[in-house]
Protein backbone atom coordinates (compact mmCIF):
# COMPACT_ATOMS: atom_id res chain seq x y z
CA UNK A 1 0.00 -0.05 0.01
CA UNK A 2 1.52 3.23 -1.00
CA UNK A 3 1.16 6.64 0.75
CA UNK A 4 -1.44 7.93 -1.76
CA UNK A 5 -3.63 4.96 -1.20
CA UNK A 6 -3.33 5.37 2.58
CA UNK A 7 -4.22 9.02 2.36
CA UNK A 8 -7.41 8.25 0.31
CA UNK A 9 -8.49 5.74 2.71
CA UNK A 10 -8.11 8.14 5.55
CA UNK A 11 -10.13 10.67 3.65
CA UNK A 12 -12.78 8.14 2.95
CA UNK A 13 -13.01 7.05 6.61
CA UNK A 14 -13.21 10.70 7.78
CA UNK A 15 -15.75 11.55 5.23
CA UNK A 16 -18.05 8.78 6.60
CA UNK A 17 -18.11 10.66 9.80
CA UNK A 18 -18.42 14.02 7.96
CA UNK A 19 -21.46 12.72 6.17
CA UNK A 20 -22.95 11.46 9.52
CA UNK A 21 -22.35 14.89 11.12
CA UNK A 22 -23.81 16.74 8.14
CA UNK A 23 -26.95 14.45 8.27
CA UNK A 24 -27.31 15.28 12.01
CA UNK A 25 -26.89 19.04 11.27
CA UNK A 26 -29.51 18.83 8.65
CA UNK A 27 -31.92 17.17 11.07
CA UNK A 28 -31.07 19.83 13.69
CA UNK A 29 -31.82 22.59 11.27
CA UNK A 30 -35.11 21.22 10.17
CA UNK A 31 -36.10 20.72 13.93
CA UNK A 32 -34.85 24.34 14.56
CA UNK A 33 -36.83 25.53 11.64
CA UNK A 34 -40.06 23.99 12.84
CA UNK A 35 -39.49 25.26 16.28
CA UNK A 36 -38.83 28.90 15.07
CA UNK A 37 -41.98 28.70 13.03
CA UNK A 38 -44.04 27.44 16.09
CA UNK A 39 -42.57 30.20 18.25
CA UNK A 40 -43.38 32.95 15.77
CA UNK A 41 -47.01 31.67 15.35
CA UNK A 42 -47.60 30.98 18.98
CA UNK A 43 -45.68 33.93 20.44
CA UNK A 44 -48.84 36.12 20.89
CA UNK A 45 -50.44 33.43 23.00
CA UNK A 46 -47.13 32.38 24.91
CA UNK A 47 -45.97 36.05 25.53
CA UNK A 48 -42.63 35.33 23.79
CA UNK A 49 -40.51 37.63 21.55
CA UNK A 50 -38.27 37.04 18.55
CA UNK A 51 -34.91 38.78 17.97
CA UNK A 52 -33.81 39.17 14.30
CA UNK A 53 -30.68 41.24 13.75
CA UNK A 54 -31.18 44.57 15.53
CA UNK A 55 -35.01 44.11 15.81
CA UNK A 56 -36.85 42.75 18.81
CA UNK A 57 -40.42 41.57 17.86
CA UNK A 58 -42.60 41.33 21.09
CA UNK A 59 -45.65 39.03 21.38
CA UNK A 60 -47.85 42.18 20.89
CA UNK A 61 -46.12 42.96 17.55
CA UNK A 62 -46.39 39.37 16.50
CA UNK A 63 -50.16 39.65 16.70
CA UNK A 64 -50.00 41.55 13.46
CA UNK A 65 -50.01 39.41 10.41
CA UNK A 66 -47.80 41.86 8.65
CA UNK A 67 -45.14 41.39 11.20
CA UNK A 68 -45.71 37.63 11.74
CA UNK A 69 -45.44 37.31 7.75
CA UNK A 70 -42.17 39.32 7.57
CA UNK A 71 -40.54 37.36 10.36
CA UNK A 72 -41.69 34.06 8.71
CA UNK A 73 -40.42 35.17 5.33
CA UNK A 74 -36.96 35.96 6.93
CA UNK A 75 -36.90 32.51 8.54
CA UNK A 76 -37.74 30.96 5.24
CA UNK A 77 -34.91 32.88 3.44
CA UNK A 78 -32.42 31.70 6.08
CA UNK A 79 -33.64 28.23 5.74
CA UNK A 80 -33.45 28.46 2.01
CA UNK A 81 -29.71 29.22 2.26
CA UNK A 82 -28.85 27.02 5.37
CA UNK A 83 -30.46 23.78 4.45
CA UNK A 84 -29.03 23.55 0.85
CA UNK A 85 -25.54 24.51 2.19
CA UNK A 86 -25.75 21.52 4.66
CA UNK A 87 -26.99 19.26 2.03
CA UNK A 88 -24.20 20.15 -0.31
CA UNK A 89 -21.61 19.59 2.44
CA UNK A 90 -23.22 16.24 3.01
CA UNK A 91 -23.18 15.43 -0.69
CA UNK A 92 -19.41 16.37 -0.83
CA UNK A 93 -18.68 13.97 2.16
CA UNK A 94 -20.68 11.25 0.60
CA UNK A 95 -18.62 11.47 -2.55
CA UNK A 96 -15.42 11.52 -0.54
CA UNK A 97 -16.56 8.41 1.42
CA UNK A 98 -17.00 6.58 -1.90
CA UNK A 99 -13.37 7.62 -2.84
CA UNK A 100 -14.58 10.10 -5.45
CA UNK A 101 -12.21 13.06 -4.52
CA UNK A 102 -11.72 14.89 -7.71
CA UNK A 103 -14.99 14.48 -9.60
CA UNK A 104 -17.30 16.68 -11.37
CA UNK A 105 -20.09 16.56 -8.86
CA UNK A 106 -17.70 17.74 -6.12
CA UNK A 107 -16.67 20.76 -8.35
CA UNK A 108 -20.43 21.70 -8.78
CA UNK A 109 -21.10 21.28 -5.11
CA UNK A 110 -18.19 23.53 -4.10
CA UNK A 111 -19.10 26.13 -6.78
CA UNK A 112 -22.72 26.05 -5.28
CA UNK A 113 -21.39 26.40 -1.69
CA UNK A 114 -19.55 29.58 -2.72
CA UNK A 115 -22.69 30.97 -4.40
CA UNK A 116 -24.77 30.20 -1.34
CA UNK A 117 -22.13 31.98 0.91
CA UNK A 118 -22.20 35.05 -1.39
CA UNK A 119 -26.13 34.91 -1.23
CA UNK A 120 -25.80 34.79 2.48
CA UNK A 121 -23.70 37.79 2.60
CA UNK A 122 -26.14 39.75 0.36
CA UNK A 123 -28.97 38.67 2.70
CA UNK A 124 -26.92 40.00 5.56
CA UNK A 125 -26.57 43.34 3.89
CA UNK A 126 -30.03 43.60 2.42
CA UNK A 127 -32.16 42.25 5.34
CA UNK A 128 -31.73 45.35 7.69
CA UNK A 129 -32.40 47.62 4.71
CA UNK A 130 -35.53 45.63 3.63
CA UNK A 131 -36.71 45.30 7.25
CA UNK A 132 -36.53 49.05 7.88
CA UNK A 133 -38.26 49.92 4.58
CA UNK A 134 -41.06 47.39 5.26
CA UNK A 135 -41.76 48.54 8.76
CA UNK A 136 -41.70 52.17 7.67
CA UNK A 137 -44.67 51.19 5.47
CA UNK A 138 -46.58 48.93 7.87
CA UNK A 139 -45.61 50.81 11.11
CA UNK A 140 -43.29 50.13 14.05
CA UNK A 141 -45.89 49.31 16.65
CA UNK A 142 -44.39 47.23 19.63
CA UNK A 143 -41.17 46.64 17.66
CA UNK A 144 -37.90 47.85 19.35
CA UNK A 145 -34.44 48.17 18.07
CA UNK A 146 -31.39 46.93 20.06
CA UNK A 147 -28.36 49.18 20.32
CA UNK A 148 -25.64 48.36 17.65
CA UNK A 149 -22.28 48.18 19.43
CA UNK A 150 -19.30 50.27 18.29
CA UNK A 151 -17.47 47.09 17.23
CA UNK A 152 -20.15 46.20 14.80
CA UNK A 153 -20.10 49.48 13.21
CA UNK A 154 -16.39 49.39 12.38
CA UNK A 155 -16.02 45.78 11.64
CA UNK A 156 -15.34 44.19 8.26
CA UNK A 157 -17.87 41.33 8.61
CA UNK A 158 -19.99 42.59 5.71
CA UNK A 159 -17.24 41.68 3.15
CA UNK A 160 -16.24 38.26 4.65
CA UNK A 161 -19.04 36.17 3.02
CA UNK A 162 -18.04 37.51 -0.31
CA UNK A 163 -14.50 36.86 0.18
CA UNK A 164 -15.08 33.27 1.38
CA UNK A 165 -17.56 32.68 -1.45
CA UNK A 166 -15.17 33.81 -4.03
CA UNK A 167 -12.53 31.59 -2.40
CA UNK A 168 -14.86 28.66 -2.84
CA UNK A 169 -15.57 29.45 -6.37
CA UNK A 170 -11.90 29.81 -7.21
CA UNK A 171 -11.23 26.46 -5.36
CA UNK A 172 -13.88 24.93 -7.51
CA UNK A 173 -12.46 26.44 -10.72
CA UNK A 174 -9.00 24.98 -9.71
CA UNK A 175 -10.51 21.61 -9.05
CA UNK A 176 -12.13 21.72 -12.42
CA UNK A 177 -8.91 22.62 -14.29
CA UNK A 178 -7.06 19.84 -12.35
CA UNK A 179 -9.86 17.35 -13.18
CA UNK A 180 -9.70 18.34 -16.89
CA UNK A 181 -5.80 17.93 -16.92
CA UNK A 182 -6.09 14.51 -15.29
CA UNK A 183 -8.75 13.41 -17.77
CA UNK A 184 -6.56 14.64 -20.71
CA UNK A 185 -3.56 12.67 -19.38
CA UNK A 186 -5.55 9.47 -18.90
CA UNK A 187 -6.74 9.90 -22.45
CA UNK A 188 -3.29 10.35 -23.66
CA UNK A 189 -2.11 7.28 -21.64
CA UNK A 190 -4.93 5.16 -23.02
CA UNK A 191 -4.17 6.21 -26.66
CA UNK A 192 -0.47 5.44 -26.14
CA UNK A 193 -1.39 1.97 -24.79
CA UNK A 194 -3.61 1.43 -27.91
CA UNK A 195 -0.61 2.39 -30.13
CA UNK A 196 1.71 0.02 -28.31
């Protein structure tokens, strides 16, 4: 057994655990999504409150269908980004567990992960603007805003998702080029074997 085979087997064994952990995370996310929807729907009866970003929605605010719909829409958007992200990670681990390290599905999955990270960064920037605009129209009754810390004002957190997403897309491009080079080399070797 050479070093490369040993490394591939270690990647395969570790990826089995990665796939199991990703499956568990997906189950937790689905349970959390169901719990969040139930809290928003039942908040007026239970007296709870929901915090999203800098906004605090009290039970009184969540009696309004306009507020409740907005909070549920935000939860749905986060789920629409988070669940596919976890599923793509699980798919990559599943491919790795089968020994498919450099393959076209992994290239597509990594590129999709990068796009989801960028979409999450866009949501992070647009959500406060859209929320403010929405509640300027429907009114701010029983909705309070939390103080924004000075650190948050001067941080570079807003550009991090775009940098990470671009890095993932670059990684997928490098993998695609490497995969193409490997396929070309295998074709040349196959043709050379046929000539011999």
